[in-house]
Amino acid sequence: MPFKEGADNKTAQVRIRFTPTEKAQAEGHAKAAGLTLSEYIRKRALGMPVRSRADEQTINELRRLGGLRKHIHNQTGGEHSKGTAGALVEITEAIKRIIR
């Protein structure tokens, strides 16, 4: 598959050495996060958060549900504002717990 021009292509390489135990540990962490070993090491080296794909999907679903809840609130003219506000706070708190 050819590279797209202007894209942020990952073409530079870095060679690192691990002991067999270290490599197995890194592979285990990458697998647990649902990432390739390269993705895992890149994120860790660049100080980016390492979250599993399942966590990312959960966060996206919670955000979607929050948006739907807000839409319902707006459509009903705020009839259920206490319940809506409580649900939105709980969704926000759940996202924060996952991100930490």
N, C-alpha and C. Protein backbone atom coordinates (compact mmCIF):
# COMPACT_ATOMS: atom_id res chain seq x y z
N MET A 1 0.85 -1.16 0.00
CA MET A 1 0.00 0.00 0.00
C MET A 1 0.90 1.23 0.00
N PRO A 2 0.74 2.12 -0.96
CA PRO A 2 1.59 3.31 -1.02
C PRO A 2 1.22 4.32 0.06
N PHE A 3 2.22 5.11 0.46
CA PHE A 3 1.99 6.16 1.45
C PHE A 3 1.30 7.33 0.79
N LYS A 4 0.42 7.99 1.50
CA LYS A 4 -0.24 9.19 1.00
C LYS A 4 0.70 10.37 1.22
N GLU A 5 0.82 11.21 0.21
CA GLU A 5 1.66 12.39 0.36
C GLU A 5 1.06 13.34 1.38
N GLY A 6 1.92 13.95 2.18
CA GLY A 6 1.47 14.91 3.18
C GLY A 6 0.97 14.25 4.45
N ALA A 7 0.85 12.95 4.47
CA ALA A 7 0.39 12.27 5.67
C ALA A 7 1.54 12.17 6.66
N ASP A 8 1.21 11.92 7.90
CA ASP A 8 2.22 11.78 8.94
C ASP A 8 2.71 10.34 8.93
N ASN A 9 3.52 10.01 7.93
CA ASN A 9 3.99 8.64 7.77
C ASN A 9 5.09 8.33 8.77
N LYS A 10 5.00 7.17 9.36
CA LYS A 10 6.00 6.74 10.32
C LYS A 10 7.07 5.96 9.55
N THR A 11 8.10 6.66 9.14
CA THR A 11 9.15 6.03 8.35
C THR A 11 10.48 5.96 9.09
N ALA A 12 10.67 6.79 10.11
CA ALA A 12 11.92 6.76 10.88
C ALA A 12 11.89 5.57 11.83
N GLN A 13 13.03 4.93 11.97
CA GLN A 13 13.10 3.76 12.84
C GLN A 13 14.07 4.00 13.98
N VAL A 14 13.77 3.37 15.11
CA VAL A 14 14.63 3.39 16.28
C VAL A 14 14.84 1.94 16.69
N ARG A 15 16.08 1.59 16.89
CA ARG A 15 16.38 0.22 17.32
C ARG A 15 16.67 0.24 18.81
N ILE A 16 16.01 -0.62 19.53
CA ILE A 16 16.28 -0.74 20.97
C ILE A 16 16.51 -2.21 21.29
N ARG A 17 17.18 -2.44 22.36
CA ARG A 17 17.44 -3.82 22.79
C ARG A 17 16.79 -4.06 24.14
N PHE A 18 16.19 -5.23 24.26
CA PHE A 18 15.57 -5.67 25.50
C PHE A 18 16.20 -6.99 25.92
N THR A 19 16.15 -7.27 27.20
CA THR A 19 16.42 -8.64 27.61
C THR A 19 15.17 -9.43 27.21
N PRO A 20 15.28 -10.74 27.10
CA PRO A 20 14.08 -11.53 26.76
C PRO A 20 12.94 -11.30 27.76
N THR A 21 13.27 -11.13 29.03
CA THR A 21 12.24 -10.89 30.05
C THR A 21 11.58 -9.54 29.84
N GLU A 22 12.38 -8.51 29.56
CA GLU A 22 11.83 -7.17 29.32
C GLU A 22 10.93 -7.17 28.10
N LYS A 23 11.36 -7.85 27.04
CA LYS A 23 10.55 -7.90 25.82
C LYS A 23 9.22 -8.59 26.10
N ALA A 24 9.26 -9.68 26.84
CA ALA A 24 8.03 -10.40 27.17
C ALA A 24 7.10 -9.52 28.00
N GLN A 25 7.66 -8.74 28.94
CA GLN A 25 6.85 -7.82 29.75
C GLN A 25 6.21 -6.77 28.87
N ALA A 26 6.99 -6.15 27.99
CA ALA A 26 6.47 -5.11 27.10
C ALA A 26 5.39 -5.67 26.19
N GLU A 27 5.60 -6.86 25.67
CA GLU A 27 4.59 -7.50 24.81
C GLU A 27 3.32 -7.78 25.60
N GLY A 28 3.47 -8.17 26.85
CA GLY A 28 2.30 -8.42 27.69
C GLY A 28 1.51 -7.15 27.94
N HIS A 29 2.21 -6.06 28.22
CA HIS A 29 1.54 -4.77 28.44
C HIS A 29 0.84 -4.31 27.16
N ALA A 30 1.52 -4.47 26.02
CA ALA A 30 0.94 -4.06 24.74
C ALA A 30 -0.32 -4.88 24.44
N LYS A 31 -0.23 -6.18 24.67
CA LYS A 31 -1.38 -7.05 24.40
C LYS A 31 -2.55 -6.69 25.31
N ALA A 32 -2.26 -6.41 26.58
CA ALA A 32 -3.32 -6.05 27.52
C ALA A 32 -4.00 -4.75 27.11
N ALA A 33 -3.24 -3.85 26.48
CA ALA A 33 -3.80 -2.57 26.03
C ALA A 33 -4.43 -2.70 24.65
N GLY A 34 -4.28 -3.85 24.02
CA GLY A 34 -4.85 -4.03 22.68
C GLY A 34 -4.06 -3.28 21.62
N LEU A 35 -2.76 -3.09 21.88
CA LEU A 35 -1.90 -2.36 20.95
C LEU A 35 -0.80 -3.26 20.43
N THR A 36 -0.22 -2.87 19.30
CA THR A 36 0.97 -3.56 18.84
C THR A 36 2.11 -3.14 19.75
N LEU A 37 3.19 -3.90 19.74
CA LEU A 37 4.35 -3.56 20.56
C LEU A 37 4.89 -2.19 20.14
N SER A 38 4.93 -1.92 18.84
CA SER A 38 5.41 -0.61 18.36
C SER A 38 4.54 0.53 18.85
N GLU A 39 3.22 0.36 18.76
CA GLU A 39 2.30 1.41 19.22
C GLU A 39 2.48 1.65 20.71
N TYR A 40 2.60 0.58 21.47
CA TYR A 40 2.75 0.68 22.91
C TYR A 40 4.04 1.43 23.28
N ILE A 41 5.15 1.02 22.69
CA ILE A 41 6.43 1.65 23.00
C ILE A 41 6.43 3.11 22.56
N ARG A 42 5.87 3.42 21.39
CA ARG A 42 5.82 4.80 20.90
C ARG A 42 5.04 5.68 21.87
N LYS A 43 3.87 5.21 22.30
CA LYS A 43 3.05 6.00 23.22
C LYS A 43 3.77 6.22 24.55
N ARG A 44 4.38 5.18 25.07
CA ARG A 44 5.09 5.31 26.34
C ARG A 44 6.28 6.26 26.21
N ALA A 45 7.02 6.14 25.14
CA ALA A 45 8.21 6.98 24.94
C ALA A 45 7.85 8.45 24.76
N LEU A 46 6.70 8.71 24.17
CA LEU A 46 6.28 10.09 23.91
C LEU A 46 5.39 10.66 25.01
N GLY A 47 5.20 9.90 26.08
CA GLY A 47 4.41 10.39 27.20
C GLY A 47 2.92 10.45 26.93
N MET A 48 2.48 9.71 25.92
CA MET A 48 1.05 9.69 25.58
C MET A 48 0.35 8.67 26.48
N PRO A 49 -0.94 8.89 26.77
CA PRO A 49 -1.64 7.91 27.60
C PRO A 49 -1.79 6.58 26.87
N VAL A 50 -1.63 5.52 27.62
CA VAL A 50 -1.80 4.18 27.06
C VAL A 50 -3.09 3.62 27.64
N ARG A 51 -4.12 3.61 26.80
CA ARG A 51 -5.41 3.05 27.20
C ARG A 51 -5.76 1.94 26.22
N SER A 52 -6.42 0.96 26.73
CA SER A 52 -6.80 -0.14 25.86
C SER A 52 -7.84 0.33 24.85
N ARG A 53 -7.95 -0.40 23.77
CA ARG A 53 -8.97 -0.08 22.78
C ARG A 53 -10.36 -0.21 23.39
N ALA A 54 -10.51 -1.15 24.32
CA ALA A 54 -11.80 -1.31 24.99
C ALA A 54 -12.13 -0.06 25.80
N ASP A 55 -11.12 0.51 26.48
CA ASP A 55 -11.35 1.75 27.23
C ASP A 55 -11.74 2.89 26.29
N GLU A 56 -11.06 2.99 25.16
CA GLU A 56 -11.38 4.05 24.20
C GLU A 56 -12.81 3.90 23.68
N GLN A 57 -13.21 2.65 23.41
CA GLN A 57 -14.57 2.40 22.93
C GLN A 57 -15.59 2.75 24.01
N THR A 58 -15.26 2.43 25.26
CA THR A 58 -16.16 2.73 26.37
C THR A 58 -16.31 4.24 26.54
N ILE A 59 -15.20 4.97 26.47
CA ILE A 59 -15.25 6.43 26.58
C ILE A 59 -16.10 7.01 25.45
N ASN A 60 -15.90 6.53 24.23
CA ASN A 60 -16.69 7.03 23.10
C ASN A 60 -18.18 6.74 23.30
N GLU A 61 -18.50 5.57 23.81
CA GLU A 61 -19.90 5.22 24.04
C GLU A 61 -20.51 6.09 25.14
N LEU A 62 -19.74 6.33 26.20
CA LEU A 62 -20.24 7.20 27.27
C LEU A 62 -20.48 8.62 26.75
N ARG A 63 -19.57 9.10 25.92
CA ARG A 63 -19.76 10.44 25.34
C ARG A 63 -21.00 10.48 24.45
N ARG A 64 -21.22 9.40 23.70
CA ARG A 64 -22.41 9.33 22.84
C ARG A 64 -23.68 9.35 23.69
N LEU A 65 -23.67 8.55 24.77
CA LEU A 65 -24.84 8.52 25.64
C LEU A 65 -25.09 9.87 26.31
N GLY A 66 -24.00 10.55 26.69
CA GLY A 66 -24.14 11.88 27.27
C GLY A 66 -24.77 12.85 26.28
N GLY A 67 -24.33 12.76 25.03
CA GLY A 67 -24.90 13.62 24.00
C GLY A 67 -26.37 13.35 23.77
N LEU A 68 -26.74 12.06 23.79
CA LEU A 68 -28.15 11.71 23.63
C LEU A 68 -28.98 12.21 24.81
N ARG A 69 -28.42 12.08 26.00
CA ARG A 69 -29.13 12.53 27.20
C ARG A 69 -29.34 14.05 27.14
N LYS A 70 -28.31 14.76 26.71
CA LYS A 70 -28.42 16.22 26.58
C LYS A 70 -29.46 16.58 25.52
N HIS A 71 -29.50 15.83 24.42
CA HIS A 71 -30.48 16.07 23.36
C HIS A 71 -31.90 15.88 23.91
N ILE A 72 -32.11 14.82 24.67
CA ILE A 72 -33.43 14.57 25.26
C ILE A 72 -33.81 15.72 26.19
N HIS A 73 -32.85 16.18 26.97
CA HIS A 73 -33.09 17.30 27.89
C HIS A 73 -33.55 18.53 27.10
N ASN A 74 -32.85 18.82 26.02
CA ASN A 74 -33.20 19.99 25.21
C ASN A 74 -34.55 19.83 24.51
N GLN A 75 -34.86 18.63 24.07
CA GLN A 75 -36.12 18.38 23.37
C GLN A 75 -37.32 18.46 24.30
N THR A 76 -37.12 18.12 25.55
CA THR A 76 -38.25 18.13 26.49
C THR A 76 -38.34 19.46 27.25
N GLY A 77 -37.51 20.41 26.88
CA GLY A 77 -37.55 21.71 27.55
C GLY A 77 -37.08 21.65 28.99
N GLY A 78 -36.27 20.68 29.33
CA GLY A 78 -35.71 20.58 30.68
C GLY A 78 -36.68 20.02 31.70
N GLU A 79 -37.71 19.28 31.24
CA GLU A 79 -38.71 18.72 32.16
C GLU A 79 -38.09 17.84 33.24
N HIS A 80 -37.05 17.13 32.87
CA HIS A 80 -36.41 16.20 33.80
C HIS A 80 -35.01 16.68 34.15
N SER A 81 -34.88 17.96 34.44
CA SER A 81 -33.55 18.55 34.57
C SER A 81 -32.72 17.94 35.69
N LYS A 82 -33.32 17.62 36.85
CA LYS A 82 -32.54 17.03 37.94
C LYS A 82 -32.02 15.65 37.53
N GLY A 83 -32.87 14.86 36.94
CA GLY A 83 -32.46 13.53 36.50
C GLY A 83 -31.42 13.60 35.40
N THR A 84 -31.62 14.52 34.47
CA THR A 84 -30.67 14.69 33.37
C THR A 84 -29.33 15.16 33.90
N ALA A 85 -29.35 16.15 34.77
CA ALA A 85 -28.10 16.67 35.34
C ALA A 85 -27.36 15.57 36.09
N GLY A 86 -28.08 14.78 36.87
CA GLY A 86 -27.46 13.69 37.62
C GLY A 86 -26.84 12.65 36.70
N ALA A 87 -27.56 12.31 35.64
CA ALA A 87 -27.04 11.32 34.69
C ALA A 87 -25.80 11.85 33.98
N LEU A 88 -25.81 13.12 33.60
CA LEU A 88 -24.65 13.70 32.92
C LEU A 88 -23.44 13.77 33.85
N VAL A 89 -23.66 14.07 35.11
CA VAL A 89 -22.56 14.09 36.08
C VAL A 89 -21.98 12.68 36.23
N GLU A 90 -22.84 11.68 36.32
CA GLU A 90 -22.37 10.30 36.45
C GLU A 90 -21.59 9.85 35.22
N ILE A 91 -22.05 10.23 34.04
CA ILE A 91 -21.33 9.88 32.81
C ILE A 91 -19.96 10.54 32.80
N THR A 92 -19.91 11.82 33.16
CA THR A 92 -18.64 12.55 33.20
C THR A 92 -17.69 11.91 34.20
N GLU A 93 -18.17 11.54 35.37
CA GLU A 93 -17.34 10.90 36.39
C GLU A 93 -16.82 9.54 35.91
N ALA A 94 -17.66 8.79 35.22
CA ALA A 94 -17.23 7.50 34.69
C ALA A 94 -16.10 7.66 33.68
N ILE A 95 -16.21 8.66 32.82
CA ILE A 95 -15.15 8.92 31.85
C ILE A 95 -13.86 9.30 32.58
N LYS A 96 -13.95 10.15 33.59
CA LYS A 96 -12.76 10.55 34.35
C LYS A 96 -12.09 9.35 35.01
N ARG A 97 -12.89 8.42 35.54
CA ARG A 97 -12.31 7.22 36.18
C ARG A 97 -11.56 6.37 35.17
N ILE A 98 -12.06 6.27 33.97
CA ILE A 98 -11.40 5.47 32.94
C ILE A 98 -10.11 6.13 32.50
N ILE A 99 -10.13 7.45 32.34
CA ILE A 99 -8.97 8.17 31.85
C ILE A 99 -7.80 8.10 32.84
N ARG A 100 -8.09 8.09 34.12
CA ARG A 100 -7.01 8.07 35.14
C ARG A 100 -6.22 6.83 35.11
